[in-house]
N, C-alpha and C. Protein backbone atom coordinates (compact mmCIF):
# COMPACT_ATOMS: atom_id res chain seq x y z
N MET A 1 -51.33 -51.96 87.63
CA MET A 1 -50.27 -52.28 88.58
C MET A 1 -50.33 -51.25 89.71
N SER A 2 -50.23 -51.73 90.92
CA SER A 2 -50.28 -50.86 92.08
C SER A 2 -49.06 -51.11 92.96
N VAL A 3 -48.38 -50.03 93.30
CA VAL A 3 -47.21 -50.12 94.17
C VAL A 3 -47.41 -49.12 95.29
N GLU A 4 -47.20 -49.57 96.52
CA GLU A 4 -47.34 -48.66 97.64
C GLU A 4 -45.97 -48.22 98.14
N LEU A 5 -45.87 -46.95 98.39
CA LEU A 5 -44.64 -46.38 98.93
C LEU A 5 -44.55 -46.73 100.41
N PRO A 6 -43.42 -47.30 100.84
CA PRO A 6 -43.28 -47.59 102.28
C PRO A 6 -43.32 -46.29 103.09
N PHE A 7 -44.07 -46.31 104.16
CA PHE A 7 -44.24 -45.11 104.99
C PHE A 7 -42.97 -44.74 105.76
N ALA A 8 -42.24 -45.73 106.26
CA ALA A 8 -41.09 -45.47 107.14
C ALA A 8 -40.02 -44.59 106.49
N PRO A 9 -39.60 -44.84 105.24
CA PRO A 9 -38.58 -43.96 104.65
C PRO A 9 -39.05 -42.51 104.51
N VAL A 10 -40.30 -42.32 104.16
CA VAL A 10 -40.83 -40.95 104.05
C VAL A 10 -40.82 -40.29 105.41
N ASP A 11 -41.25 -41.01 106.43
CA ASP A 11 -41.26 -40.48 107.78
C ASP A 11 -39.84 -40.12 108.23
N ALA A 12 -38.88 -40.97 107.92
CA ALA A 12 -37.48 -40.71 108.31
C ALA A 12 -36.95 -39.44 107.64
N ILE A 13 -37.26 -39.26 106.37
CA ILE A 13 -36.80 -38.06 105.65
C ILE A 13 -37.41 -36.81 106.25
N ILE A 14 -38.70 -36.86 106.51
CA ILE A 14 -39.38 -35.71 107.10
C ILE A 14 -38.76 -35.36 108.44
N ARG A 15 -38.61 -36.34 109.30
CA ARG A 15 -38.09 -36.07 110.64
C ARG A 15 -36.63 -35.60 110.61
N ARG A 16 -35.85 -36.12 109.68
CA ARG A 16 -34.45 -35.70 109.55
C ARG A 16 -34.35 -34.24 109.15
N ASN A 17 -35.30 -33.78 108.32
CA ASN A 17 -35.25 -32.42 107.81
C ASN A 17 -36.13 -31.43 108.56
N ALA A 18 -36.88 -31.91 109.53
CA ALA A 18 -37.81 -31.03 110.25
C ALA A 18 -37.11 -30.17 111.30
N GLY A 19 -35.91 -30.55 111.68
CA GLY A 19 -35.22 -29.77 112.70
C GLY A 19 -35.99 -29.79 114.00
N GLU A 20 -36.30 -28.62 114.52
CA GLU A 20 -37.03 -28.51 115.79
C GLU A 20 -38.55 -28.58 115.61
N LEU A 21 -39.01 -28.63 114.36
CA LEU A 21 -40.45 -28.68 114.12
C LEU A 21 -41.00 -30.05 114.48
N ARG A 22 -42.22 -30.06 114.95
CA ARG A 22 -42.90 -31.33 115.25
C ARG A 22 -43.77 -31.68 114.06
N VAL A 23 -43.71 -32.94 113.66
CA VAL A 23 -44.48 -33.41 112.51
C VAL A 23 -45.36 -34.57 112.97
N SER A 24 -46.65 -34.44 112.76
CA SER A 24 -47.56 -35.50 113.18
C SER A 24 -47.45 -36.70 112.23
N ALA A 25 -47.80 -37.85 112.75
CA ALA A 25 -47.80 -39.06 111.92
C ALA A 25 -48.82 -38.93 110.80
N ASP A 26 -49.95 -38.29 111.08
CA ASP A 26 -50.97 -38.10 110.05
C ASP A 26 -50.43 -37.23 108.90
N ALA A 27 -49.68 -36.19 109.24
CA ALA A 27 -49.10 -35.33 108.20
C ALA A 27 -48.08 -36.10 107.37
N ALA A 28 -47.27 -36.92 108.01
CA ALA A 28 -46.28 -37.71 107.29
C ALA A 28 -46.97 -38.72 106.37
N GLU A 29 -48.04 -39.33 106.84
CA GLU A 29 -48.79 -40.28 106.00
C GLU A 29 -49.43 -39.57 104.81
N GLU A 30 -49.95 -38.39 105.02
CA GLU A 30 -50.56 -37.63 103.93
C GLU A 30 -49.50 -37.27 102.88
N LEU A 31 -48.33 -36.88 103.33
CA LEU A 31 -47.25 -36.56 102.38
C LEU A 31 -46.87 -37.81 101.59
N ALA A 32 -46.79 -38.95 102.25
CA ALA A 32 -46.47 -40.19 101.55
C ALA A 32 -47.53 -40.50 100.49
N ARG A 33 -48.80 -40.26 100.82
CA ARG A 33 -49.88 -40.48 99.84
C ARG A 33 -49.73 -39.54 98.65
N ARG A 34 -49.38 -38.29 98.93
CA ARG A 34 -49.23 -37.31 97.83
C ARG A 34 -48.03 -37.64 96.95
N ILE A 35 -46.95 -38.08 97.56
CA ILE A 35 -45.78 -38.50 96.79
C ILE A 35 -46.14 -39.68 95.91
N GLN A 36 -46.87 -40.64 96.47
CA GLN A 36 -47.31 -41.82 95.73
C GLN A 36 -48.17 -41.41 94.54
N SER A 37 -49.11 -40.53 94.76
CA SER A 37 -50.01 -40.09 93.71
C SER A 37 -49.26 -39.36 92.60
N HIS A 38 -48.36 -38.48 92.99
CA HIS A 38 -47.57 -37.72 92.01
C HIS A 38 -46.68 -38.66 91.20
N GLY A 39 -46.06 -39.61 91.86
CA GLY A 39 -45.22 -40.59 91.17
C GLY A 39 -46.02 -41.42 90.18
N ALA A 40 -47.23 -41.80 90.57
CA ALA A 40 -48.09 -42.56 89.66
C ALA A 40 -48.44 -41.75 88.43
N THR A 41 -48.72 -40.48 88.62
CA THR A 41 -49.03 -39.60 87.49
C THR A 41 -47.83 -39.48 86.56
N LEU A 42 -46.65 -39.32 87.13
CA LEU A 42 -45.43 -39.24 86.31
C LEU A 42 -45.19 -40.53 85.53
N ALA A 43 -45.41 -41.66 86.19
CA ALA A 43 -45.22 -42.95 85.52
C ALA A 43 -46.22 -43.13 84.38
N GLU A 44 -47.44 -42.72 84.58
CA GLU A 44 -48.46 -42.82 83.54
C GLU A 44 -48.09 -41.95 82.33
N THR A 45 -47.64 -40.74 82.61
CA THR A 45 -47.24 -39.84 81.52
C THR A 45 -46.05 -40.42 80.75
N ALA A 46 -45.08 -40.97 81.49
CA ALA A 46 -43.91 -41.57 80.84
C ALA A 46 -44.32 -42.76 79.98
N ALA A 47 -45.25 -43.57 80.46
CA ALA A 47 -45.71 -44.72 79.69
C ALA A 47 -46.42 -44.27 78.42
N ASP A 48 -47.22 -43.22 78.51
CA ASP A 48 -47.91 -42.70 77.34
C ASP A 48 -46.92 -42.18 76.30
N ARG A 49 -45.88 -41.55 76.75
CA ARG A 49 -44.87 -40.99 75.82
C ARG A 49 -43.99 -42.07 75.21
N ALA A 50 -43.84 -43.18 75.92
CA ALA A 50 -43.01 -44.28 75.41
C ALA A 50 -43.79 -45.03 74.38
């Protein structure tokens, strides 16, 4: 099963918390990919334990 994290909510959170810092779209996309990967790992571990 594959689920993709929507990019827009991640981008909105980053920009809301960045304050005066500038955040590139590439950096926001990379963070979304890392969140997706980490979430998948957590889900796999939870499934193994269940």
